[in-house]
Protein backbone atom coordinates (compact mmCIF):
# COMPACT_ATOMS: atom_id res chain seq x y z
CA MET A 1 83.03 95.40 78.77
CA SER A 2 84.43 91.96 79.54
CA LEU A 3 83.18 89.80 82.40
CA MET A 4 86.62 90.06 84.05
CA SER A 5 86.52 93.88 84.03
CA VAL A 6 82.99 93.86 85.53
CA VAL A 7 84.14 91.49 88.30
CA SER A 8 87.25 93.61 88.84
CA GLU A 9 85.21 96.81 89.07
CA GLN A 10 82.78 95.23 91.54
CA SER A 11 85.69 93.91 93.63
CA TRP A 12 87.32 97.35 93.78
CA THR A 13 84.02 98.98 94.74
CA THR A 14 83.61 96.45 97.57
CA PHE A 15 87.19 96.97 98.77
CA ARG A 16 86.88 100.76 98.63
CA ARG A 17 83.67 100.57 100.68
CA LEU A 18 85.40 98.31 103.24
CA VAL A 19 88.32 100.72 103.57
CA ARG A 20 85.99 103.71 103.93
CA GLU A 21 83.87 101.97 106.59
CA ARG A 22 86.46 99.97 108.57
CA PHE A 23 89.99 100.97 107.62
CA SER A 24 89.77 104.70 106.87
CA HIS A 25 92.82 105.32 109.10
CA ALA A 26 94.74 102.06 109.15
CA THR A 27 97.72 100.13 107.87
CA LEU A 28 97.07 96.80 106.18
CA TYR A 29 99.91 94.28 106.23
CA GLY A 30 100.40 91.44 103.76
CA LEU A 31 97.90 92.82 101.25
CA ARG A 32 97.27 90.06 98.70
CA VAL A 33 96.68 91.01 95.07
CA GLU A 34 95.27 88.50 92.55
CA ARG A 35 94.55 89.35 88.92
CA GLY A 36 95.19 92.99 89.79
CA VAL A 37 92.61 93.17 92.58
CA VAL A 38 93.09 93.18 96.37
CA VAL A 39 91.67 89.90 97.71
CA GLY A 40 92.83 89.84 101.35
CA TYR A 41 95.30 90.88 104.00
CA ASP A 42 97.20 89.27 106.89
CA ARG A 43 96.60 91.84 109.62
CA VAL A 44 95.60 95.44 110.24
CA ARG A 45 96.80 98.19 112.58
CA PHE A 46 94.35 101.01 113.19
CA THR A 47 95.31 104.65 113.67
CA ARG A 48 93.40 107.19 115.75
CA ILE A 49 93.60 110.80 114.58
CA PHE A 50 93.60 113.46 117.33
CA ASP A 51 94.43 116.60 115.34
CA ARG A 52 90.80 117.04 114.27
CA GLU A 53 87.33 115.78 115.01
CA ALA A 54 86.87 112.27 113.65
CA GLY A 55 84.28 112.18 110.91
CA ARG A 56 81.68 109.47 110.72
CA PRO A 57 82.74 106.93 108.07
CA THR A 58 80.34 106.75 105.18
CA ALA A 59 79.92 104.16 102.48
CA TYR A 60 81.12 105.49 99.16
CA ASP A 61 80.25 103.83 95.90
CA GLY A 62 80.99 106.74 93.58
CA PRO A 63 83.87 106.95 91.13
CA ALA A 64 87.37 106.44 92.47
CA ASN A 65 89.37 109.59 93.18
CA GLU A 66 92.89 110.17 91.87
CA ARG A 67 94.62 108.33 94.73
CA TRP A 68 92.40 105.28 94.27
CA GLU A 69 92.91 105.36 90.50
CA ARG A 70 96.71 105.32 90.99
CA PHE A 71 96.47 102.50 93.55
CA ILE A 72 94.20 100.45 91.26
CA ARG A 73 96.64 100.90 88.34
CA PHE A 74 99.54 99.97 90.62
CA CYS A 75 97.80 96.73 91.69
CA ALA A 76 96.93 95.96 88.06
CA GLY A 77 100.65 96.23 87.28
CA ILE A 78 101.46 93.79 90.08
CA ALA A 79 98.78 91.36 88.81
CA ASP A 80 99.56 88.63 91.37
CA GLY A 81 101.62 89.37 94.43
CA ARG A 82 101.78 90.73 97.93
CA LEU A 83 102.24 94.25 99.27
CA PRO A 84 103.95 94.13 102.67
CA GLU A 85 102.40 97.34 104.01
CA VAL A 86 99.77 99.78 102.70
CA HIS A 87 98.65 102.87 104.64
CA PHE A 88 95.16 104.37 104.32
CA ARG A 89 94.28 107.91 105.44
CA ASP A 90 90.80 109.42 105.28
CA GLY A 91 89.64 106.31 103.43
CA ASP A 92 92.19 106.66 100.63
CA PRO A 93 95.42 104.77 99.97
CA SER A 94 98.30 107.06 100.92
CA LEU A 95 101.48 104.99 100.66
CA ALA A 96 102.87 101.49 100.30
CA GLN A 97 106.12 100.34 101.86
CA PHE A 98 108.30 97.56 100.49
CA GLU A 99 111.26 95.53 101.64
CA GLU A 100 114.02 93.74 99.86
CA PRO A 101 116.97 91.79 101.20
CA GLY A 102 120.37 93.44 101.49
CA ALA A 103 123.19 92.95 99.00
CA GLU A 104 126.98 93.05 98.95
CA PHE A 105 128.49 95.62 96.61
CA LEU A 106 132.20 94.96 97.04
CA SER A 107 134.15 91.90 97.81
CA ILE A 108 137.65 92.59 99.10
CA HIS A 109 139.99 89.61 98.89
CA THR A 110 143.33 89.62 100.71
């Protein structure tokens, strides 16, 4: 295993623990990805769940579940970039939202 993959794995474990403990129900804005790993964010908005009893967040260092595996692969594909908005539910990534500027499709000349 290369040094980069060991560092990447440790970074993901740390980020997953942070999400589980602090951001289990939150939206992170301006998520920064470097070398395929989340390295920071601009701001966070927390969500409070009322449809069930809130569980006590626990640190989790075990293997990533399917949602985390997909998110990790997605970030690896980005390599270096920024995700405008990522939602976390029950300590797992649930969706990312993106923006792009508008475009003109037709130009009518008179």
